[in-house]
Amino acid sequence: MDSEALVEELKKLSLKKDTSGIESALTKLQGIENLQNIEVKETLLELLINSNTPNINLLVSKTIAEVTKSPEQRMKFSSNDVLEKLNDLLSIAVEKRKQDGLELIIQLCRALGNIFYSNDDARNVIFHIDGGKVLIELFNISSILIENSDDRETFVKVRSGVMSNYLLGNEELSQKAIELEIIEKVKSRIEETTEGVEHLLPLLSILTEQVSDLIFKPEILILISKTLKTSTNSDIVEACLELLLCQAESDEVKLLLAREGLCEHIFKSLESYKTYHGNVDTKELVKLSCDLIVLILTGDEAMHFLDKTPLLSYMKTWLESDDIYLMTTSVLALGNFARTDEHCLRMVEHDMHFKMIEILKKNTSPESDVRLQHALLSAIRNLVIPKPNKIAVISAGLVETVLPMLDIHQPPVVFKILGTLRMLVDGQDSLALRFLQDEKIVERLVDWATKTPDMVGVNSEASRLMAWMVKNSYRTRELSSDKKISVDPLKTFININNTVDVLVKMLLSAHLVMQNEALIALTIIAAFLNDDTKLHENLLKSNIGQTLVDFIQRMSDMERTTNEIVENLNTLVKSLQRSETLKKHLSEFKIDEKLQIAPRLKELATL
């Protein structure tokens, strides 16, 4: 008998109230494939409404679960009458679970879970009849009291499944579930037994992903951490890691997990995975574990706490790892420790910069691992911020290692290269002078500053490095000094196409720090090359007069600047006016008059 004939037979049996015939027909219907086109909703609903026989309710619920596996039937069964009846039956079944067992609950969960799948209409119906309360009541049922192991396993699975399908993709439903204490109920179920935990954890993940800024209570986080430490089930471990990665966006959670010893546990666990090559599942666990260590270390309090643990020494050992992910994690972790001068000084004292530079030397090509390059440059940049470290790191060969990387075109890596070089030249006049007259370096910087409009961070860093090269080469040198100062490096610099234009355009940056850096660099160039006709040509070509007008007007409109910028602006104009050519140019733009408004600007910012 085909499906349509079977449905017709079911209708007749229903009218006759032939219980055994109905049961037989329902059982046959469940075994038929491709039920997406049959019209069976009204027949099954009538049976649910009119039958007082527990077994009929059970078989109808099971049939609905089978039929609604298809999207077409799912929508047909999304009507209020069907969902209200299923919800009522589930509510009664949950209350009477001790007398009638779990089989009806399991089939109702399957039916509702299938209807909810990617179906907001059905979810909203249940939400508006307060059906979410009944679903959450399911989590008051202790699985350890279910004697039959097959029933227990199936119940735990479908309970989580129906709730997941109900909540998925809907923040309002998730918020309501939290108000109804779904998290606390899930916690109780996890605490009572490890069996079925892999089905409970995804619920917490759904809530974390859907409810913005949701942070679990400490006891929940500690439970997840404990589950991660004790479980040997890779699915459970993965679920715990994913959950904690979401939660650890909060600095408070980072500190809690640090205090729980999670990073050290992860390190010891990963040590046993060193032979995981080729195992895709294990690779994913390693990746998630490493990411969690790095994320926890981004918290300031967590980092300071972990500094008192063996974690730093553990991370050093991974610098020697043959596995690039473990090595990269080590570098990222060490880079996060290197966020304070104290840590940076200690690391250089212990020669850790040598190892990082050694690794970088092997990874300078465009084909090298971008993530490792980025991590190394980030860590080394942090290390060279304290002035006492600069000479040591330069002497270790960092400059010779980094310069070949100028041929790389990956924006994140380029950004870090520029930032590292900028920190290196700070206070290092000889290095700044070397860069200033290196045409290849300067031309590449001009390229990055002018020809990469879609790489704003790279544009800014390239411009800043050029300004810092000028500033650190000549700022401490006095024009009136008896010692003759060579201006050849500056001449080389301004004779390279667009160098002056980059600094002039930098005046119109949205960032006060960059505005001030440009003022200082241009003032130094104007002071030392006052009579240089090439400089005059470049400044005129860059339309310095109009740029200064725009700069002053922008400060006036925004009423936002600093005393230092106002003073440096005046100094630059005076330096430029020492040249008759430039003085005439500036007068055409009435710069002196416009400067009168600068001292009246409100000082709303500091550098």
Protein backbone atom coordinates (compact mmCIF):
# COMPACT_ATOMS: atom_id res chain seq x y z
CA MET A 1 0.00 0.00 0.00
CA ASP A 2 1.41 3.42 -0.98
CA SER A 3 1.49 6.40 1.39
CA GLU A 4 -1.64 8.12 0.05
CA ALA A 5 -3.69 4.96 0.29
CA LEU A 6 -2.37 4.40 3.79
CA VAL A 7 -3.47 7.88 4.85
CA GLU A 8 -6.95 7.26 3.46
CA GLU A 9 -7.06 3.97 5.34
CA LEU A 10 -6.00 5.79 8.51
CA LYS A 11 -8.86 8.27 8.12
CA LYS A 12 -11.40 5.45 7.84
CA LEU A 13 -9.96 3.61 10.83
CA SER A 14 -10.06 6.83 12.81
CA LEU A 15 -13.76 7.32 12.09
CA LYS A 16 -14.41 3.72 13.19
CA LYS A 17 -12.25 4.29 16.30
CA ASP A 18 -10.45 1.04 15.43
CA THR A 19 -7.56 1.35 17.89
CA SER A 20 -5.59 -1.69 16.77
CA GLY A 21 -6.07 -0.78 13.11
CA ILE A 22 -4.95 2.80 13.77
CA GLU A 23 -1.85 1.57 15.58
CA SER A 24 -1.00 -0.77 12.72
CA ALA A 25 -1.49 1.95 10.09
CA LEU A 26 0.63 4.46 12.01
CA THR A 27 3.43 1.93 12.37
CA LYS A 28 3.36 1.25 8.63
CA LEU A 29 3.32 4.97 7.84
CA GLN A 30 6.45 5.52 9.91
CA GLY A 31 8.33 3.04 7.76
CA ILE A 32 7.60 4.75 4.45
CA GLU A 33 10.27 6.95 2.89
CA ASN A 34 9.59 10.19 0.99
CA LEU A 35 6.67 11.44 3.03
CA GLN A 36 7.17 15.09 2.06
CA ASN A 37 4.15 15.34 -0.26
CA ILE A 38 1.42 13.43 1.57
CA GLU A 39 -1.47 15.33 3.19
CA VAL A 40 -1.51 13.83 6.66
CA LYS A 41 -1.43 16.75 9.09
CA GLU A 42 -5.19 17.02 9.71
CA THR A 43 -5.57 13.28 10.16
CA LEU A 44 -2.77 13.09 12.73
CA LEU A 45 -4.03 16.18 14.55
CA GLU A 46 -7.53 14.68 14.82
CA LEU A 47 -6.06 11.53 16.29
CA LEU A 48 -4.18 13.56 18.90
CA ILE A 49 -7.27 15.56 19.81
CA ASN A 50 -9.75 12.69 19.95
CA SER A 51 -7.64 9.85 21.30
CA ASN A 52 -7.34 9.16 25.00
CA THR A 53 -5.15 6.14 24.36
CA PRO A 54 -1.53 6.66 25.48
CA ASN A 55 -0.21 4.32 22.81
CA ILE A 56 -2.03 6.23 20.03
CA ASN A 57 -0.52 9.50 21.30
CA LEU A 58 2.87 7.85 21.31
CA LEU A 59 2.55 6.49 17.76
CA VAL A 60 1.13 9.75 16.37
CA SER A 61 3.99 11.72 17.96
CA LYS A 62 6.49 9.29 16.48
CA THR A 63 4.81 9.56 13.07
CA ILE A 64 4.92 13.36 13.19
CA ALA A 65 8.63 13.13 14.05
CA GLU A 66 9.22 11.00 10.94
CA VAL A 67 7.03 13.08 8.62
CA THR A 68 8.54 16.43 9.66
CA LYS A 69 12.05 15.45 8.66
CA SER A 70 11.26 17.15 5.35
CA PRO A 71 11.13 20.99 5.04
CA GLU A 72 7.78 20.81 3.22
CA GLN A 73 6.04 18.93 6.04
CA ARG A 74 7.82 21.00 8.67
CA MET A 75 5.96 24.11 7.49
CA LYS A 76 2.60 22.29 7.35
CA PHE A 77 2.98 21.21 10.98
CA SER A 78 3.90 24.74 12.15
CA SER A 79 0.28 25.72 12.75
CA ASN A 80 -0.92 26.84 16.16
CA ASP A 81 -3.31 23.92 16.62
CA VAL A 82 -0.65 21.25 16.07
CA LEU A 83 2.02 22.94 18.17
CA GLU A 84 -0.34 23.76 21.03
CA LYS A 85 -1.49 20.13 21.17
CA LEU A 86 2.07 18.77 21.11
CA ASN A 87 3.06 21.27 23.79
CA ASP A 88 0.10 20.27 26.00
CA LEU A 89 0.93 16.60 25.63
CA LEU A 90 4.56 17.25 26.52
CA SER A 91 3.56 19.26 29.57
CA ILE A 92 1.35 16.43 30.84
CA ALA A 93 3.97 13.79 30.00
CA VAL A 94 6.67 15.66 31.92
CA GLU A 95 4.41 15.88 34.98
CA LYS A 96 3.54 12.15 34.79
CA ARG A 97 6.97 10.89 33.77
CA LYS A 98 7.35 8.63 36.81
CA GLN A 99 4.14 6.74 36.01
CA ASP A 100 4.27 6.55 32.23
CA GLY A 101 7.97 6.41 31.54
CA LEU A 102 9.89 8.41 28.98
CA GLU A 103 8.89 6.99 25.62
CA LEU A 104 6.16 9.57 24.92
CA ILE A 105 8.45 12.42 26.04
CA ILE A 106 11.16 11.18 23.68
CA GLN A 107 8.82 11.06 20.68
CA LEU A 108 7.30 14.47 21.47
CA CYS A 109 10.81 15.94 21.71
CA ARG A 110 11.66 14.42 18.35
CA ALA A 111 8.49 15.78 16.76
CA LEU A 112 8.92 19.30 18.15
CA GLY A 113 12.65 19.29 17.48
CA ASN A 114 12.13 18.43 13.81
CA ILE A 115 9.41 21.07 13.42
CA PHE A 116 11.61 23.75 15.05
CA TYR A 117 14.56 23.07 12.76
CA SER A 118 15.29 26.32 10.85
CA ASN A 119 11.67 27.30 11.43
CA ASP A 120 11.07 30.65 13.13
CA ASP A 121 7.30 30.39 12.62
CA ALA A 122 7.08 27.29 14.81
CA ARG A 123 9.45 28.69 17.42
CA ASN A 124 7.42 31.87 17.71
CA VAL A 125 4.19 29.93 18.19
CA ILE A 126 5.70 28.01 21.10
CA PHE A 127 7.23 31.20 22.52
CA HIS A 128 3.87 33.02 22.55
CA ILE A 129 2.07 30.17 24.31
CA ASP A 130 4.85 29.99 26.93
CA GLY A 131 5.90 26.60 25.63
CA GLY A 132 9.52 27.36 26.40
CA LYS A 133 8.76 26.68 30.07
CA VAL A 134 7.79 23.10 29.27
CA LEU A 135 10.96 22.54 27.26
CA ILE A 136 13.08 23.85 30.10
CA GLU A 137 11.22 21.60 32.55
CA LEU A 138 12.80 18.69 30.67
CA PHE A 139 16.11 19.66 32.27
CA ASN A 140 14.70 19.01 35.72
CA ILE A 141 14.62 15.32 34.83
CA SER A 142 17.67 13.56 36.23
CA SER A 143 19.05 11.10 33.71
CA ILE A 144 20.73 9.02 36.40
CA LEU A 145 17.26 7.93 37.57
CA ILE A 146 16.51 6.39 34.16
CA GLU A 147 17.35 2.72 34.54
CA ASN A 148 17.35 1.62 30.90
CA SER A 149 20.62 2.77 29.34
CA ASP A 150 19.19 3.02 25.80
CA ASP A 151 16.27 5.16 27.01
CA ARG A 152 18.65 7.27 29.05
CA GLU A 153 20.96 7.92 26.11
CA THR A 154 18.11 8.70 23.70
CA PHE A 155 16.37 11.01 26.17
CA VAL A 156 19.49 13.05 26.90
CA LYS A 157 20.12 13.41 23.18
CA VAL A 158 16.59 14.46 22.12
CA ARG A 159 16.15 16.75 25.14
CA SER A 160 19.17 18.77 24.12
CA GLY A 161 18.22 18.50 20.45
CA VAL A 162 14.75 19.99 20.82
CA MET A 163 16.06 22.83 22.98
CA SER A 164 18.93 23.56 20.58
CA ASN A 165 16.58 23.68 17.59
CA TYR A 166 14.20 25.90 19.55
CA LEU A 167 16.85 28.44 20.56
CA LEU A 168 19.13 28.44 17.53
CA GLY A 169 19.16 31.76 15.70
CA ASN A 170 16.80 33.61 18.04
CA GLU A 171 18.21 35.94 20.70
CA GLU A 172 14.80 36.68 22.23
CA LEU A 173 14.12 32.99 22.88
CA SER A 174 17.61 32.58 24.32
CA GLN A 175 17.15 35.55 26.65
CA LYS A 176 13.87 34.09 27.89
CA ALA A 177 15.46 30.69 28.43
CA ILE A 178 18.17 32.31 30.55
CA GLU A 179 15.48 34.04 32.63
CA LEU A 180 13.92 30.61 33.16
CA GLU A 181 17.30 29.38 34.50
CA ILE A 182 18.24 27.07 31.66
CA ILE A 183 21.94 27.60 32.44
CA GLU A 184 21.53 26.55 36.07
CA LYS A 185 19.53 23.48 35.06
CA VAL A 186 22.13 22.42 32.49
CA LYS A 187 24.81 22.90 35.15
CA SER A 188 22.94 20.55 37.50
CA ARG A 189 22.70 17.89 34.81
CA ILE A 190 26.43 18.14 34.00
CA GLU A 191 27.34 17.91 37.68
CA GLU A 192 25.37 14.73 38.30
CA THR A 193 27.02 12.62 35.58
CA THR A 194 29.51 12.88 32.74
CA GLU A 195 27.19 10.74 30.60
CA GLY A 196 25.61 12.85 27.85
CA VAL A 197 27.66 15.95 28.57
CA GLU A 198 28.50 16.21 24.85
CA HIS A 199 24.80 16.93 24.24
CA LEU A 200 24.48 19.53 27.00
CA LEU A 201 27.50 21.71 26.23
CA PRO A 202 26.25 22.82 22.77
CA LEU A 203 23.28 24.46 24.50
CA LEU A 204 25.64 26.69 26.44
CA SER A 205 27.49 27.46 23.22
CA ILE A 206 24.25 28.52 21.52
CA LEU A 207 23.42 30.86 24.41
CA THR A 208 26.93 32.33 24.36
CA GLU A 209 26.82 32.98 20.63
CA GLN A 210 23.32 34.44 20.57
CA VAL A 211 23.13 36.58 23.70
CA SER A 212 25.53 39.49 23.46
CA ASP A 213 27.87 39.99 26.42
CA LEU A 214 26.63 36.84 28.15
CA ILE A 215 29.13 35.85 30.82
CA PHE A 216 28.50 32.70 32.82
CA LYS A 217 28.69 32.74 36.59
CA PRO A 218 32.07 31.64 38.01
CA GLU A 219 30.69 28.29 39.15
CA ILE A 220 29.57 27.49 35.58
CA LEU A 221 32.96 28.44 34.17
CA ILE A 222 34.76 26.39 36.81
CA LEU A 223 32.54 23.41 35.97
CA ILE A 224 33.34 23.72 32.24
CA SER A 225 37.04 24.02 33.08
CA LYS A 226 36.86 20.95 35.32
CA THR A 227 35.01 19.02 32.60
CA LEU A 228 37.74 19.95 30.12
CA LYS A 229 40.45 18.76 32.49
CA THR A 230 38.86 15.43 33.33
CA SER A 231 37.22 14.32 30.08
CA THR A 232 38.87 11.88 27.71
CA ASN A 233 36.12 12.34 25.12
CA SER A 234 37.46 14.49 22.28
CA ASP A 235 33.99 15.85 21.44
CA ILE A 236 33.51 17.04 25.01
CA VAL A 237 37.00 18.56 25.12
CA GLU A 238 36.35 20.39 21.85
CA ALA A 239 32.98 21.70 23.07
CA CYS A 240 34.56 22.95 26.32
CA LEU A 241 37.36 24.70 24.45
CA GLU A 242 34.95 26.40 22.06
CA LEU A 243 32.79 27.55 24.95
CA LEU A 244 35.70 28.94 26.93
CA LEU A 245 37.09 30.71 23.87
CA CYS A 246 33.80 32.61 23.57
CA GLN A 247 33.61 33.34 27.28
CA ALA A 248 37.27 34.36 27.60
CA GLU A 249 36.66 37.52 25.59
CA SER A 250 35.98 38.93 29.08
CA ASP A 251 39.05 39.90 31.11
CA GLU A 252 37.34 38.63 34.28
CA VAL A 253 36.95 35.21 32.71
CA LYS A 254 40.58 35.25 31.54
CA LEU A 255 41.71 35.79 35.14
CA LEU A 256 39.39 33.10 36.49
CA LEU A 257 40.66 30.53 33.98
CA ALA A 258 44.25 31.53 34.71
CA ARG A 259 43.66 30.93 38.42
CA GLU A 260 42.06 27.58 37.63
CA GLY A 261 45.39 26.45 36.16
CA LEU A 262 43.82 25.86 32.76
CA CYS A 263 46.79 27.08 30.72
CA GLU A 264 49.22 24.75 32.46
CA HIS A 265 46.78 21.85 32.04
CA ILE A 266 46.45 22.58 28.33
CA PHE A 267 50.22 22.69 27.92
CA LYS A 268 50.64 19.30 29.58
CA SER A 269 47.81 17.83 27.50
CA LEU A 270 49.29 19.12 24.26
CA GLU A 271 52.66 17.63 25.11
CA SER A 272 51.01 14.24 24.66
CA TYR A 273 49.73 15.24 21.20
CA LYS A 274 53.15 15.81 19.64
CA THR A 275 52.64 12.88 17.32
CA TYR A 276 49.26 14.00 16.04
CA HIS A 277 50.46 14.63 12.45
CA GLY A 278 47.78 13.60 9.98
CA ASN A 279 45.01 13.35 12.57
CA VAL A 280 42.59 16.12 11.58
CA ASP A 281 40.47 15.91 14.74
CA THR A 282 43.48 16.17 17.02
CA LYS A 283 44.86 19.08 15.00
CA GLU A 284 41.64 20.97 15.64
CA LEU A 285 41.92 20.30 19.38
CA VAL A 286 45.51 21.54 19.35
CA LYS A 287 44.47 24.68 17.50
CA LEU A 288 41.61 25.47 19.90
CA SER A 289 43.82 24.76 22.92
CA CYS A 290 46.59 27.03 21.69
CA ASP A 291 44.15 29.79 20.85
CA LEU A 292 42.73 29.64 24.37
CA ILE A 293 46.17 30.00 26.00
CA VAL A 294 46.93 33.04 23.85
CA LEU A 295 43.52 34.61 24.50
CA ILE A 296 43.81 34.19 28.27
CA LEU A 297 47.22 35.89 28.18
CA THR A 298 45.76 38.98 26.50
CA GLY A 299 44.18 39.91 29.84
CA ASP A 300 46.48 42.13 31.90
CA GLU A 301 45.57 40.63 35.28
CA ALA A 302 45.65 37.10 33.86
CA MET A 303 49.09 37.73 32.34
CA HIS A 304 50.48 39.06 35.62
CA PHE A 305 49.02 36.09 37.50
CA LEU A 306 50.46 33.59 35.02
CA ASP A 307 53.85 35.25 35.31
CA LYS A 308 54.05 33.64 38.76
CA THR A 309 53.34 30.17 37.33
CA PRO A 310 55.50 27.82 35.23
CA LEU A 311 53.64 28.85 32.05
CA LEU A 312 56.32 31.26 30.81
CA SER A 313 58.99 28.55 31.00
CA TYR A 314 56.58 26.08 29.37
CA MET A 315 56.06 28.47 26.46
CA LYS A 316 59.81 28.88 25.97
CA THR A 317 60.12 25.14 25.30
CA TRP A 318 57.72 25.41 22.36
CA LEU A 319 60.12 27.81 20.64
CA GLU A 320 62.05 24.63 19.83
CA SER A 321 58.99 22.77 18.55
CA ASP A 322 58.94 21.28 15.07
CA ASP A 323 55.23 22.02 14.92
CA ILE A 324 54.60 25.49 13.51
CA TYR A 325 51.33 25.92 15.41
CA LEU A 326 52.95 25.22 18.78
CA MET A 327 55.89 27.47 17.87
CA THR A 328 53.55 30.28 16.82
CA THR A 329 51.55 29.88 20.02
CA SER A 330 54.77 30.14 22.01
CA VAL A 331 55.72 33.37 20.24
CA LEU A 332 52.23 34.84 20.66
CA ALA A 333 52.23 33.92 24.35
CA LEU A 334 55.67 35.43 24.91
CA GLY A 335 54.58 38.52 23.01
CA ASN A 336 51.65 38.88 25.40
CA PHE A 337 53.99 38.59 28.38
CA ALA A 338 56.10 41.33 26.73
CA ARG A 339 53.47 44.01 27.30
CA THR A 340 55.33 45.65 30.18
CA ASP A 341 58.84 47.08 30.29
CA GLU A 342 59.62 44.82 33.24
CA HIS A 343 58.84 41.67 31.28
CA CYS A 344 60.61 42.94 28.16
CA LEU A 345 63.79 43.74 30.07
CA ARG A 346 63.74 40.35 31.76
CA MET A 347 63.26 38.51 28.46
CA VAL A 348 66.20 40.26 26.84
CA GLU A 349 68.32 39.64 29.94
CA HIS A 350 67.56 35.94 29.45
CA ASP A 351 68.52 36.16 25.74
CA MET A 352 65.08 35.25 24.46
CA HIS A 353 65.44 37.79 21.65
CA PHE A 354 68.21 35.67 20.12
CA LYS A 355 65.87 32.70 19.70
CA MET A 356 63.09 34.83 18.22
CA ILE A 357 65.45 36.47 15.73
CA GLU A 358 66.84 33.04 14.84
CA ILE A 359 63.32 31.81 14.05
CA LEU A 360 62.54 34.99 12.11
CA LYS A 361 65.67 34.52 9.96
CA LYS A 362 64.20 31.24 8.74
CA ASN A 363 60.85 32.86 7.94
CA THR A 364 61.59 36.07 6.02
CA SER A 365 60.22 35.17 2.60
CA PRO A 366 56.77 35.97 1.18
CA GLU A 367 56.11 32.20 1.19
CA SER A 368 56.73 31.83 4.94
CA ASP A 369 53.88 31.27 7.38
CA VAL A 370 52.14 34.65 7.75
CA ARG A 371 50.81 33.94 11.22
CA LEU A 372 54.27 33.06 12.53
CA GLN A 373 55.82 36.13 10.89
CA HIS A 374 53.14 38.36 12.39
CA ALA A 375 53.60 36.82 15.84
CA LEU A 376 57.40 37.16 15.76
CA LEU A 377 57.31 40.78 14.64
CA SER A 378 54.68 41.63 17.26
CA ALA A 379 56.73 40.08 20.05
CA ILE A 380 60.01 41.64 18.90
CA ARG A 381 58.36 45.03 18.50
CA ASN A 382 57.28 44.83 22.14
CA LEU A 383 60.77 43.79 23.21
CA VAL A 384 62.44 46.84 21.63
CA ILE A 385 60.14 49.43 23.20
CA PRO A 386 62.26 49.79 26.40
CA LYS A 387 65.34 51.84 25.48
CA PRO A 388 67.85 49.54 27.23
CA ASN A 389 66.74 46.68 24.95
CA LYS A 390 67.25 48.44 21.62
CA ILE A 391 71.04 48.10 21.35
CA ALA A 392 70.94 44.45 22.46
CA VAL A 393 68.31 43.53 19.88
CA ILE A 394 69.99 45.53 17.10
CA SER A 395 73.31 43.87 17.96
CA ALA A 396 71.62 40.47 17.71
CA GLY A 397 71.02 41.14 14.01
CA LEU A 398 67.38 42.21 13.93
CA VAL A 399 67.82 44.93 11.30
CA GLU A 400 69.62 42.62 8.88
CA THR A 401 66.88 40.05 9.46
CA VAL A 402 63.93 42.39 8.96
CA LEU A 403 65.12 44.42 5.94
CA PRO A 404 64.82 41.49 3.48
CA MET A 405 61.17 41.26 4.54
CA LEU A 406 60.45 44.56 2.80
CA ASP A 407 59.60 42.47 -0.26
CA ILE A 408 56.60 40.95 1.54
CA HIS A 409 53.18 42.27 0.54
CA GLN A 410 50.92 40.75 3.19
CA PRO A 411 49.31 43.79 4.94
CA PRO A 412 49.32 42.36 8.50
CA VAL A 413 53.01 41.45 8.21
CA VAL A 414 53.96 44.75 6.55
CA PHE A 415 52.19 46.63 9.33
CA LYS A 416 54.25 44.79 11.95
CA ILE A 417 57.51 45.25 10.01
CA LEU A 418 56.95 49.01 9.94
CA GLY A 419 55.98 49.15 13.60
CA THR A 420 59.06 47.15 14.59
CA LEU A 421 61.40 49.39 12.59
CA ARG A 422 59.75 52.50 14.04
CA MET A 423 60.37 51.28 17.58
CA LEU A 424 63.96 50.42 16.63
CA VAL A 425 64.87 53.91 15.36
CA ASP A 426 63.43 55.61 18.44
CA GLY A 427 66.45 57.26 20.08
CA GLN A 428 68.88 55.48 17.73
CA ASP A 429 70.26 58.32 15.59
CA SER A 430 72.83 56.22 13.73
CA LEU A 431 70.20 53.68 12.67
CA ALA A 432 67.76 56.45 11.73
CA LEU A 433 70.46 58.11 9.57
CA ARG A 434 71.22 54.77 7.92
CA PHE A 435 67.57 54.30 6.97
CA LEU A 436 67.19 57.94 5.89
CA GLN A 437 69.77 57.63 3.13
CA ASP A 438 68.90 54.09 2.04
CA GLU A 439 67.02 54.72 -1.20
CA LYS A 440 65.54 51.22 -1.36
CA ILE A 441 64.05 51.52 2.13
CA VAL A 442 62.72 55.04 1.57
CA GLU A 443 61.23 54.23 -1.84
CA ARG A 444 59.44 51.22 -0.36
CA LEU A 445 58.07 53.39 2.47
CA VAL A 446 56.81 55.98 -0.01
CA ASP A 447 55.16 53.15 -1.95
CA TRP A 448 53.35 51.89 1.13
CA ALA A 449 52.40 55.42 2.21
CA THR A 450 50.94 56.46 -1.14
CA LYS A 451 49.98 53.47 -3.26
CA THR A 452 47.99 51.30 -0.89
CA PRO A 453 44.69 53.13 -0.27
CA ASP A 454 43.02 49.95 0.98
CA MET A 455 45.69 49.43 3.65
CA VAL A 456 45.08 52.37 6.01
CA GLY A 457 47.16 50.95 8.85
CA VAL A 458 50.10 50.34 6.52
CA ASN A 459 49.76 53.87 5.04
CA SER A 460 49.92 55.39 8.49
CA GLU A 461 52.81 53.25 9.75
CA ALA A 462 54.90 53.96 6.64
CA SER A 463 54.33 57.71 7.01
CA ARG A 464 55.13 57.60 10.72
CA LEU A 465 58.34 55.64 10.17
CA MET A 466 59.51 58.26 7.67
CA ALA A 467 58.77 61.04 10.16
CA TRP A 468 60.54 59.15 12.95
CA MET A 469 63.59 58.60 10.77
CA VAL A 470 63.91 62.36 10.26
CA LYS A 471 63.17 63.18 13.89
CA ASN A 472 65.61 60.67 15.37
CA SER A 473 68.37 61.56 12.89
CA TYR A 474 68.47 65.29 13.62
CA ARG A 475 66.31 66.30 16.55
CA THR A 476 69.17 66.22 19.06
CA ARG A 477 71.58 68.01 16.70
CA GLU A 478 71.94 71.77 17.01
CA LEU A 479 72.39 73.98 13.98
CA SER A 480 74.57 76.33 16.02
CA SER A 481 76.85 73.51 17.18
CA ASP A 482 80.57 73.89 16.47
CA LYS A 483 80.59 70.33 15.25
CA LYS A 484 79.73 70.23 11.56
CA ILE A 485 76.54 68.33 10.90
CA SER A 486 76.19 66.54 7.60
CA VAL A 487 72.90 67.25 5.87
CA ASP A 488 73.63 64.78 3.09
CA PRO A 489 71.27 62.11 4.49
CA LEU A 490 68.45 64.67 4.53
CA LYS A 491 69.25 65.75 0.98
CA THR A 492 69.21 62.14 -0.15
CA PHE A 493 65.86 61.71 1.56
CA ILE A 494 64.10 64.74 0.03
CA ASN A 495 65.46 63.94 -3.43
CA ILE A 496 63.57 60.66 -3.44
CA ASN A 497 60.20 61.15 -5.15
CA ASN A 498 57.24 62.05 -2.92
CA THR A 499 59.02 61.89 0.46
CA VAL A 500 58.17 65.51 1.26
CA ASP A 501 54.66 65.06 -0.10
CA VAL A 502 54.05 62.14 2.29
CA LEU A 503 55.01 64.29 5.29
CA VAL A 504 52.92 67.25 4.10
CA LYS A 505 49.84 65.05 3.63
CA MET A 506 50.45 63.59 7.07
CA LEU A 507 49.52 67.00 8.53
CA LEU A 508 45.91 66.27 7.63
CA SER A 509 45.81 62.96 9.49
CA ALA A 510 42.86 62.40 11.80
CA HIS A 511 45.29 61.48 14.58
CA LEU A 512 46.87 64.25 16.66
CA VAL A 513 50.01 62.20 17.25
CA MET A 514 50.63 61.86 13.52
CA GLN A 515 49.96 65.57 12.95
CA ASN A 516 52.58 66.43 15.54
CA GLU A 517 55.10 63.95 14.12
CA ALA A 518 54.69 65.50 10.67
CA LEU A 519 55.18 69.02 12.09
CA ILE A 520 58.41 67.98 13.82
CA ALA A 521 59.82 66.20 10.75
CA LEU A 522 59.00 69.08 8.38
CA THR A 523 60.42 71.62 10.83
CA ILE A 524 63.71 69.70 11.04
CA ILE A 525 63.95 69.43 7.25
CA ALA A 526 63.15 73.14 6.79
CA ALA A 527 65.66 74.15 9.45
CA PHE A 528 68.59 72.13 8.13
CA LEU A 529 67.85 72.61 4.42
CA ASN A 530 66.66 76.20 4.51
CA ASP A 531 68.46 77.17 1.29
CA ASP A 532 67.87 73.94 -0.60
CA THR A 533 66.01 74.70 -3.84
CA LYS A 534 64.96 71.06 -4.23
CA LEU A 535 63.19 71.25 -0.88
CA HIS A 536 61.44 74.45 -1.93
CA GLU A 537 60.30 72.81 -5.16
CA ASN A 538 58.99 69.77 -3.32
CA LEU A 539 57.11 71.84 -0.76
CA LEU A 540 55.52 74.00 -3.45
CA LYS A 541 54.65 70.89 -5.45
CA SER A 542 53.01 69.47 -2.33
CA ASN A 543 51.04 72.71 -1.94
CA ILE A 544 52.29 73.35 1.58
CA GLY A 545 50.40 76.65 1.78
CA GLN A 546 46.96 75.19 1.10
CA THR A 547 47.71 72.21 3.34
CA LEU A 548 48.56 74.53 6.25
CA VAL A 549 45.33 76.46 5.61
CA ASP A 550 43.35 73.21 5.70
CA PHE A 551 45.25 72.08 8.79
CA ILE A 552 44.53 75.29 10.71
CA GLN A 553 40.90 75.32 9.57
CA ARG A 554 40.41 71.72 10.66
CA MET A 555 41.79 72.54 14.11
CA SER A 556 39.45 75.52 14.30
CA ASP A 557 36.38 73.54 13.19
CA MET A 558 37.08 70.69 15.57
CA GLU A 559 38.30 72.95 18.40
CA ARG A 560 40.62 70.10 19.20
CA THR A 561 44.39 70.31 19.40
CA THR A 562 47.22 70.63 21.93
CA ASN A 563 49.58 73.37 23.01
CA GLU A 564 52.47 71.32 21.63
CA ILE A 565 50.91 71.17 18.17
CA VAL A 566 50.21 74.92 18.16
CA GLU A 567 53.81 75.65 19.18
CA ASN A 568 55.23 73.24 16.60
CA LEU A 569 52.99 74.73 13.91
CA ASN A 570 54.34 78.20 14.64
CA THR A 571 57.91 76.88 14.62
CA LEU A 572 57.39 75.20 11.25
CA VAL A 573 55.95 78.34 9.68
CA LYS A 574 58.88 80.43 10.97
CA SER A 575 61.35 77.89 9.57
CA LEU A 576 59.63 77.94 6.20
CA GLN A 577 59.53 81.74 6.12
CA ARG A 578 63.32 81.90 6.31
CA SER A 579 63.19 81.09 2.61
CA GLU A 580 62.03 84.04 0.53
CA THR A 581 60.43 81.68 -1.97
CA LEU A 582 58.40 79.91 0.68
CA LYS A 583 57.65 83.12 2.57
CA LYS A 584 56.04 84.55 -0.56
CA HIS A 585 54.09 81.32 -1.09
CA LEU A 586 52.76 81.31 2.48
CA SER A 587 51.81 84.98 2.31
CA GLU A 588 49.58 84.21 -0.66
CA PHE A 589 47.59 81.96 1.66
CA LYS A 590 47.63 84.52 4.54
CA ILE A 591 49.15 81.95 6.86
CA ASP A 592 50.22 84.54 9.46
CA GLU A 593 46.66 85.81 9.77
CA LYS A 594 45.22 82.35 10.04
CA LEU A 595 47.76 81.43 12.71
CA GLN A 596 46.19 84.02 14.99
CA ILE A 597 43.26 81.68 15.65
CA ALA A 598 45.48 78.79 16.68
CA PRO A 599 46.33 80.01 20.22
CA ARG A 600 42.61 80.48 20.91
CA LEU A 601 41.74 76.86 20.19
CA LYS A 602 40.52 74.81 23.12
CA GLU A 603 43.01 72.27 24.34
CA LEU A 604 40.93 69.13 24.44
CA ALA A 605 43.55 66.51 23.90
CA THR A 606 47.04 65.48 24.94
CA LEU A 607 49.67 63.58 23.02
